Amino acid sequence: MYLVLEDVYKVFAGRGGVGEVTAVNNVSLHIEKGEFVTLLGPSGCGKTTTLRMIAGFEFPTSGNIRLDGTIINDLPPHKRDMSMVFQSYAIFPHLTVFENVAYGLRVKRLPKAEIDERVARVLGLVELEGFGSRTPEQLSGGQQQRVALARALVMEPKVLLMDEPLSNLDAKLREQMRYEIRRIQKQIGITSVYVTHDQTEAMTMSDRIVVMNEGRIEQVGSPTDIYRHPNNRFVADFIGRANFVQGVVRGIENGRLAVAALGETLSVPAATAHYTIGQQVTLVIRPEMAVINPDAGAHVTGTVKQSAYLGSIVEYSVAVDGQVLSLVEHDPRRTTIHNPGETVHVRFWDECLYVIPD
């Protein structure tokens, strides 16, 4: 493993020096060389503190951080061979683009020819050729973010750290920059740790996602694993949208569970073998994992409570057996919308349903 966190804790003194606050609680994480890993979670979950400990801006209360086999707990930031891209860009307003990107290289007193070559190469990488003589005030927000990224990459660090770097951009530009950062990371193969509370950023950019809550890691996995097979209700609720339906296991056969829920018995894949007949479980149903009024094979019948046409999809609230489900229909062949009060039949995609212990 390339970047390793071993049983890392971070404890801060409480307000007024009274008591303690545990910001990071027994975090262990292994990151491969060249991997793009995102720390994802709500505000206050410990993701930024974890990133700052990796960077050297905070030091672990206990535990170890290793880079390429060497413990770096006590090393200051400038000796860790890492670069960080901040939320605020932090580029110098009085320097040109070239001078901003070259700043760290000049501090290291590299030869002018090498500085010129490395800056030119990295400006090409972030698609800012010809912008070297401009000042930050002459750049858009997205271009300023590219300068901040170029300044980090030109140092050729072992690890690139990013702390919510896109949060100050508008939605369209944020989407564009997500793909640009991922393109650059793949092109140069740099190990990257990215912090965000935006699940879309995490899903579209990451090799693996680390979901954090209250200082702990809830689950680590690929975007597909995290979305399709969450470990618990917190992960299922934080990643995407989900309906949570209470059920009881009525049968177990051939890796599948017969779950009594919504007034019917539904066949659900068993993610693990640790279920017993009569056990209370929570059935997780994503809104898009259902079909309204299918040609055949409906599982349940319900009543439309609300409908909203959004162009590419139609969102529905459907009451089924006393519970209101959020469902999404995205069949372009449909030309009509089911209105409130209509009775509809719903089929769930069997392989897309899953259960978590109650």
Protein backbone atom coordinates (compact mmCIF):
# COMPACT_ATOMS: atom_id res chain seq x y z
CA MET A 1 0.00 0.00 0.00
CA TYR A 2 1.22 3.51 -0.84
CA LEU A 3 -0.59 5.85 1.57
CA VAL A 4 -1.70 4.21 4.82
CA LEU A 5 -3.61 5.46 7.86
CA GLU A 6 -3.37 3.10 10.84
CA ASP A 7 -5.82 3.49 13.76
CA VAL A 8 -5.67 7.28 13.53
CA TYR A 9 -7.35 9.38 16.22
CA LYS A 10 -7.57 13.16 16.45
CA VAL A 11 -8.82 14.74 19.65
CA PHE A 12 -9.28 18.50 20.14
CA ALA A 13 -9.77 20.33 23.41
CA GLY A 14 -13.39 21.29 24.05
CA ARG A 15 -14.66 24.85 24.03
CA GLY A 16 -13.09 26.89 26.80
CA GLY A 17 -10.60 24.10 27.40
CA VAL A 18 -13.29 21.95 29.01
CA GLY A 19 -13.45 18.31 27.94
CA GLU A 20 -12.42 16.84 24.60
CA VAL A 21 -13.89 16.47 21.12
CA THR A 22 -12.97 13.42 19.06
CA ALA A 23 -12.88 14.59 15.44
CA VAL A 24 -11.39 11.42 13.92
CA ASN A 25 -12.07 8.11 15.63
CA ASN A 26 -9.97 5.04 14.83
CA VAL A 27 -9.64 5.60 11.08
CA SER A 28 -7.69 3.01 9.11
CA LEU A 29 -7.36 3.35 5.35
CA HIS A 30 -5.07 1.92 2.66
CA ILE A 31 -4.67 3.82 -0.62
CA GLU A 32 -2.90 2.35 -3.64
CA LYS A 33 -0.41 4.28 -5.76
CA GLY A 34 -2.23 6.12 -8.55
CA GLU A 35 -5.64 5.70 -6.93
CA PHE A 36 -8.26 8.46 -6.68
CA VAL A 37 -9.96 8.20 -3.27
CA THR A 38 -12.70 10.53 -2.05
CA LEU A 39 -13.53 11.22 1.59
CA LEU A 40 -17.28 11.81 1.60
CA GLY A 41 -19.64 12.76 4.38
CA PRO A 42 -21.72 15.51 6.01
CA SER A 43 -20.24 18.57 7.68
CA GLY A 44 -18.41 17.68 10.88
CA CYS A 45 -17.84 14.03 9.95
CA GLY A 46 -14.03 14.29 10.18
CA LYS A 47 -13.14 14.18 6.48
CA THR A 48 -11.33 17.55 6.35
CA THR A 49 -9.48 16.85 9.61
CA THR A 50 -8.34 13.53 8.13
CA LEU A 51 -7.10 15.31 4.99
CA ARG A 52 -5.29 17.93 7.07
CA MET A 53 -3.52 15.19 9.04
CA ILE A 54 -2.38 13.59 5.78
CA ALA A 55 -1.14 17.01 4.63
CA GLY A 56 0.64 17.78 7.91
CA PHE A 57 -1.51 20.77 8.94
CA GLU A 58 -2.75 18.70 11.90
CA PHE A 59 -0.98 15.87 13.73
CA PRO A 60 -2.63 12.64 14.92
CA THR A 61 -3.33 12.28 18.63
CA SER A 62 -2.51 8.60 18.12
CA GLY A 63 -2.02 6.20 15.25
CA ASN A 64 0.30 6.39 12.24
CA ILE A 65 0.28 7.83 8.73
CA ARG A 66 2.67 6.17 6.28
CA LEU A 67 3.71 7.27 2.81
CA ASP A 68 5.53 4.73 0.69
CA GLY A 69 6.44 2.75 3.82
CA THR A 70 7.72 5.70 5.88
CA ILE A 71 5.90 7.10 8.94
CA ILE A 72 5.32 10.82 8.33
CA ASN A 73 3.37 11.73 11.50
CA ASP A 74 5.82 14.41 12.65
CA LEU A 75 6.94 15.78 9.30
CA PRO A 76 5.89 19.37 8.49
CA PRO A 77 3.82 19.89 5.31
CA HIS A 78 6.73 21.06 3.14
CA LYS A 79 8.64 17.84 3.80
CA ARG A 80 5.83 15.40 2.94
CA ASP A 81 6.13 15.56 -0.86
CA MET A 82 2.45 16.41 -1.19
CA SER A 83 0.56 19.29 -2.78
CA MET A 84 -2.83 20.63 -1.77
CA VAL A 85 -5.57 22.42 -3.70
CA PHE A 86 -7.77 24.51 -1.42
CA GLN A 87 -11.40 25.53 -1.64
CA SER A 88 -10.43 29.20 -1.95
CA TYR A 89 -7.83 28.65 -4.75
CA ALA A 90 -5.29 30.72 -2.72
CA ILE A 91 -3.54 32.03 -5.83
CA PHE A 92 -1.57 35.27 -5.57
CA PRO A 93 -3.59 38.17 -7.09
CA HIS A 94 -0.49 40.29 -7.83
CA LEU A 95 1.31 37.56 -9.82
CA THR A 96 0.70 36.36 -13.36
CA VAL A 97 -0.48 32.85 -14.12
CA PHE A 98 3.08 31.84 -14.98
CA GLU A 99 4.46 33.35 -11.77
CA ASN A 100 1.77 31.69 -9.66
CA VAL A 101 2.53 28.27 -11.10
CA ALA A 102 6.30 28.79 -10.94
CA TYR A 103 6.29 30.09 -7.36
CA GLY A 104 7.08 26.80 -5.59
CA LEU A 105 9.77 25.91 -8.10
CA ARG A 106 11.49 29.26 -7.57
CA VAL A 107 11.38 28.75 -3.80
CA LYS A 108 13.25 25.48 -4.44
CA ARG A 109 15.75 27.45 -6.57
CA LEU A 110 15.45 25.25 -9.62
CA PRO A 111 17.20 26.36 -12.83
CA LYS A 112 15.22 28.82 -14.97
CA ALA A 113 15.16 26.47 -17.96
CA GLU A 114 13.67 23.67 -15.87
CA ILE A 115 11.09 26.02 -14.38
CA ASP A 116 10.06 27.25 -17.83
CA GLU A 117 9.77 23.70 -19.15
CA ARG A 118 7.75 22.37 -16.19
CA VAL A 119 5.38 25.35 -16.09
CA ALA A 120 4.75 25.16 -19.83
CA ARG A 121 4.08 21.43 -19.57
CA VAL A 122 1.61 21.73 -16.70
CA LEU A 123 -0.22 24.70 -18.26
CA GLY A 124 -0.74 22.53 -21.32
CA LEU A 125 -2.02 19.74 -19.10
CA VAL A 126 -4.70 21.97 -17.59
CA GLU A 127 -5.44 23.55 -21.00
CA LEU A 128 -4.16 27.04 -20.14
CA GLU A 129 -1.59 27.42 -22.92
CA GLY A 130 -1.16 31.09 -23.78
CA PHE A 131 -2.52 32.27 -20.41
CA GLY A 132 0.86 32.64 -18.69
CA SER A 133 0.99 36.45 -18.85
CA ARG A 134 -2.53 37.00 -17.54
CA THR A 135 -3.33 38.01 -13.98
CA PRO A 136 -5.96 36.21 -11.85
CA GLU A 137 -8.46 39.06 -12.26
CA GLN A 138 -8.46 38.36 -16.01
CA LEU A 139 -9.53 34.73 -15.46
CA SER A 140 -12.88 33.06 -14.90
CA GLY A 141 -13.51 31.03 -11.76
CA GLY A 142 -12.85 27.81 -13.61
CA GLN A 143 -9.58 29.13 -15.03
CA GLN A 144 -8.45 30.24 -11.58
CA GLN A 145 -9.15 26.76 -10.28
CA ARG A 146 -7.02 25.34 -13.10
CA VAL A 147 -4.18 27.64 -12.05
CA ALA A 148 -4.45 26.35 -8.48
CA LEU A 149 -4.38 22.79 -9.79
CA ALA A 150 -1.40 23.54 -12.06
CA ARG A 151 0.51 25.09 -9.17
CA ALA A 152 0.01 21.88 -7.16
CA LEU A 153 0.91 19.54 -10.04
CA VAL A 154 4.03 21.40 -11.16
CA MET A 155 5.74 20.34 -7.92
CA GLU A 156 5.37 16.71 -9.07
CA PRO A 157 4.20 15.52 -5.63
CA LYS A 158 3.73 11.92 -4.58
CA VAL A 159 0.19 12.72 -3.42
CA LEU A 160 -2.29 15.37 -4.56
CA LEU A 161 -4.74 16.52 -1.86
CA MET A 162 -7.92 18.44 -2.68
CA ASP A 163 -10.24 20.04 -0.11
CA GLU A 164 -13.63 20.74 -1.73
CA PRO A 165 -11.94 22.58 -4.62
CA LEU A 166 -15.11 23.02 -6.69
CA SER A 167 -17.53 24.34 -4.07
CA ASN A 168 -17.14 27.98 -5.18
CA LEU A 169 -18.03 27.28 -8.83
CA ASP A 170 -21.47 27.41 -10.39
CA ALA A 171 -23.21 24.12 -11.16
CA LYS A 172 -22.34 23.90 -14.87
CA LEU A 173 -18.68 24.79 -14.36
CA ARG A 174 -18.46 22.44 -11.38
CA GLU A 175 -19.62 19.57 -13.59
CA GLN A 176 -17.05 20.46 -16.26
CA MET A 177 -14.21 20.67 -13.74
CA ARG A 178 -15.09 17.29 -12.21
CA TYR A 179 -14.29 15.61 -15.50
CA GLU A 180 -11.22 17.78 -16.09
CA ILE A 181 -9.67 16.92 -12.72
CA ARG A 182 -10.36 13.23 -13.26
CA ARG A 183 -8.92 13.39 -16.81
CA ILE A 184 -5.72 15.00 -15.55
CA GLN A 185 -5.40 12.59 -12.62
CA LYS A 186 -5.74 9.58 -14.91
CA GLN A 187 -3.35 11.04 -17.47
CA ILE A 188 -0.50 11.53 -15.02
CA GLY A 189 -1.45 8.69 -12.64
CA ILE A 190 -1.00 10.69 -9.45
CA THR A 191 -2.27 9.36 -6.12
CA SER A 192 -5.13 11.67 -5.11
CA VAL A 193 -7.23 12.20 -1.98
CA TYR A 194 -10.29 14.38 -2.48
CA VAL A 195 -12.67 15.75 0.16
CA THR A 196 -16.28 16.65 -0.60
CA HIS A 197 -19.79 16.54 0.82
CA ASP A 198 -21.19 16.34 -2.72
CA GLN A 199 -22.15 12.75 -3.52
CA THR A 200 -22.25 13.44 -7.28
CA GLU A 201 -18.62 14.56 -7.24
CA ALA A 202 -17.66 11.45 -5.31
CA MET A 203 -19.57 9.10 -7.62
CA THR A 204 -18.25 10.56 -10.88
CA MET A 205 -14.58 11.05 -9.93
CA SER A 206 -13.53 8.26 -7.57
CA ASP A 207 -11.93 4.87 -7.83
CA ARG A 208 -13.08 4.36 -4.25
CA ILE A 209 -15.27 6.34 -1.86
CA VAL A 210 -14.73 6.51 1.90
CA VAL A 211 -18.05 7.38 3.56
CA MET A 212 -17.48 9.03 6.95
CA ASN A 213 -19.84 9.87 9.81
CA GLU A 214 -19.07 11.26 13.27
CA GLY A 215 -15.34 10.71 12.86
CA ARG A 216 -15.62 7.08 11.76
CA ILE A 217 -15.50 5.28 8.43
CA GLU A 218 -18.90 3.75 7.65
CA GLN A 219 -17.94 2.07 4.37
CA VAL A 220 -15.17 1.99 1.77
CA GLY A 221 -15.85 0.80 -1.77
CA SER A 222 -16.25 1.64 -5.44
CA PRO A 223 -19.09 4.01 -6.38
CA THR A 224 -21.09 0.99 -7.60
CA ASP A 225 -20.55 -0.94 -4.37
CA ILE A 226 -21.43 2.02 -2.18
CA TYR A 227 -24.62 2.76 -4.11
CA ARG A 228 -25.83 -0.78 -4.74
CA HIS A 229 -24.66 -2.48 -1.54
CA PRO A 230 -24.57 0.00 1.37
CA ASN A 231 -23.45 -1.39 4.72
CA ASN A 232 -26.13 0.40 6.72
CA ARG A 233 -28.95 2.88 6.63
CA PHE A 234 -26.70 5.93 6.97
CA VAL A 235 -24.75 5.03 3.82
CA ALA A 236 -27.92 4.15 1.88
CA ASP A 237 -29.54 7.44 2.88
CA PHE A 238 -26.48 9.64 2.29
CA ILE A 239 -25.64 8.25 -1.17
CA GLY A 240 -28.50 8.96 -3.53
CA ARG A 241 -32.16 8.76 -2.57
CA ALA A 242 -33.80 5.76 -0.99
CA ASN A 243 -37.08 4.47 0.36
CA PHE A 244 -36.75 2.50 3.59
CA VAL A 245 -39.42 -0.15 4.07
CA GLN A 246 -39.70 -2.35 7.13
CA GLY A 247 -40.02 -6.06 6.45
CA VAL A 248 -39.72 -9.54 7.94
CA VAL A 249 -37.74 -12.45 6.50
CA ARG A 250 -40.21 -15.26 5.67
CA GLY A 251 -37.92 -17.58 3.75
CA ILE A 252 -34.30 -18.15 2.67
CA GLU A 253 -33.41 -20.17 -0.42
CA ASN A 254 -30.64 -20.17 -3.05
CA GLY A 255 -29.12 -16.91 -1.88
CA ARG A 256 -32.41 -15.03 -1.85
CA LEU A 257 -34.73 -13.80 0.86
CA ALA A 258 -38.51 -13.84 0.82
CA VAL A 259 -39.35 -10.60 2.62
CA ALA A 260 -42.85 -9.67 3.75
CA ALA A 261 -43.18 -5.94 3.03
CA LEU A 262 -45.73 -3.48 1.60
CA GLY A 263 -48.45 -6.08 2.05
CA GLU A 264 -46.73 -8.55 -0.28
CA THR A 265 -43.84 -11.03 -0.25
CA LEU A 266 -40.88 -9.79 -2.26
CA SER A 267 -37.89 -11.82 -3.46
CA VAL A 268 -34.66 -10.02 -2.62
CA PRO A 269 -30.98 -10.99 -3.12
CA ALA A 270 -29.27 -11.75 0.18
CA ALA A 271 -26.06 -9.68 0.38
CA THR A 272 -24.82 -11.94 3.18
CA ALA A 273 -25.82 -15.27 4.69
CA HIS A 274 -26.46 -13.77 8.13
CA TYR A 275 -30.24 -13.65 8.02
CA THR A 276 -32.76 -15.84 9.81
CA ILE A 277 -36.45 -16.50 9.32
CA GLY A 278 -38.50 -14.04 11.34
CA GLN A 279 -35.72 -11.44 11.41
CA GLN A 280 -36.74 -7.78 11.11
CA VAL A 281 -35.00 -6.10 8.16
CA THR A 282 -35.10 -2.84 6.26
CA LEU A 283 -35.75 -3.08 2.54
CA VAL A 284 -33.97 -0.37 0.54
CA ILE A 285 -35.74 0.71 -2.66
CA ARG A 286 -34.13 3.37 -4.84
CA PRO A 287 -36.68 5.58 -6.66
CA GLU A 288 -35.39 4.56 -10.11
CA MET A 289 -35.51 0.84 -9.35
CA ALA A 290 -39.21 0.52 -10.08
CA VAL A 291 -41.58 0.57 -13.06
CA ILE A 292 -45.02 2.13 -12.88
CA ASN A 293 -47.78 0.24 -14.68
CA PRO A 294 -45.52 -2.39 -16.25
CA ASP A 295 -46.77 -4.60 -19.05
CA ALA A 296 -46.76 -7.54 -16.64
CA GLY A 297 -45.56 -8.71 -13.25
CA ALA A 298 -46.53 -5.87 -10.89
CA HIS A 299 -45.59 -6.42 -7.26
CA VAL A 300 -47.79 -3.87 -5.47
CA THR A 301 -50.68 -1.49 -6.09
CA GLY A 302 -50.76 2.07 -4.82
CA THR A 303 -52.28 5.53 -5.15
CA VAL A 304 -50.51 8.54 -6.62
CA LYS A 305 -50.20 11.34 -4.05
CA GLN A 306 -48.03 13.76 -6.05
CA SER A 307 -46.47 13.96 -9.50
CA ALA A 308 -43.84 16.30 -10.95
CA TYR A 309 -42.78 16.44 -14.60
CA LEU A 310 -39.07 17.34 -14.85
CA GLY A 311 -38.47 16.77 -18.57
CA SER A 312 -36.15 13.78 -18.59
CA ILE A 313 -37.97 12.12 -15.69
CA VAL A 314 -41.27 12.20 -13.83
CA GLU A 315 -41.18 12.00 -10.05
CA TYR A 316 -44.03 10.41 -8.14
CA SER A 317 -45.08 9.96 -4.54
CA VAL A 318 -47.12 6.76 -4.35
CA ALA A 319 -48.92 5.49 -1.25
CA VAL A 320 -48.55 1.71 -0.88
CA ASP A 321 -49.87 -0.16 2.16
CA GLY A 322 -49.74 2.92 4.36
CA GLN A 323 -46.26 4.06 3.26
CA VAL A 324 -45.45 6.76 0.71
CA LEU A 325 -42.73 5.76 -1.77
CA SER A 326 -40.70 8.18 -3.90
CA LEU A 327 -40.51 6.73 -7.42
CA VAL A 328 -38.98 7.98 -10.67
CA GLU A 329 -40.16 7.16 -14.16
CA HIS A 330 -37.74 7.79 -17.03
CA ASP A 331 -39.32 5.96 -19.95
CA PRO A 332 -39.28 8.39 -22.93
CA ARG A 333 -42.12 6.45 -24.54
CA ARG A 334 -44.53 7.64 -21.86
CA THR A 335 -46.52 10.65 -23.00
CA THR A 336 -48.95 10.92 -20.11
CA ILE A 337 -48.48 11.65 -16.41
CA HIS A 338 -50.33 9.84 -13.66
CA ASN A 339 -52.27 12.40 -11.67
CA PRO A 340 -52.88 12.46 -7.91
CA GLY A 341 -55.60 10.03 -6.94
CA GLU A 342 -54.90 7.54 -9.74
CA THR A 343 -54.35 3.90 -8.91
CA VAL A 344 -51.08 2.54 -10.30
CA HIS A 345 -49.31 -0.81 -10.29
CA VAL A 346 -45.62 -0.95 -9.42
CA ARG A 347 -42.99 -3.52 -10.27
CA PHE A 348 -39.59 -3.50 -8.56
CA TRP A 349 -36.48 -4.70 -10.34
CA ASP A 350 -35.70 -7.81 -8.30
CA GLU A 351 -31.91 -7.65 -8.64
CA CYS A 352 -31.82 -4.01 -7.63
CA LEU A 353 -33.51 -4.39 -4.25
CA TYR A 354 -31.47 -5.09 -1.15
CA VAL A 355 -31.87 -5.43 2.56
CA ILE A 356 -29.93 -4.24 5.58
CA PRO A 357 -30.39 -5.52 9.13
CA ASP A 358 -33.00 -3.57 11.05
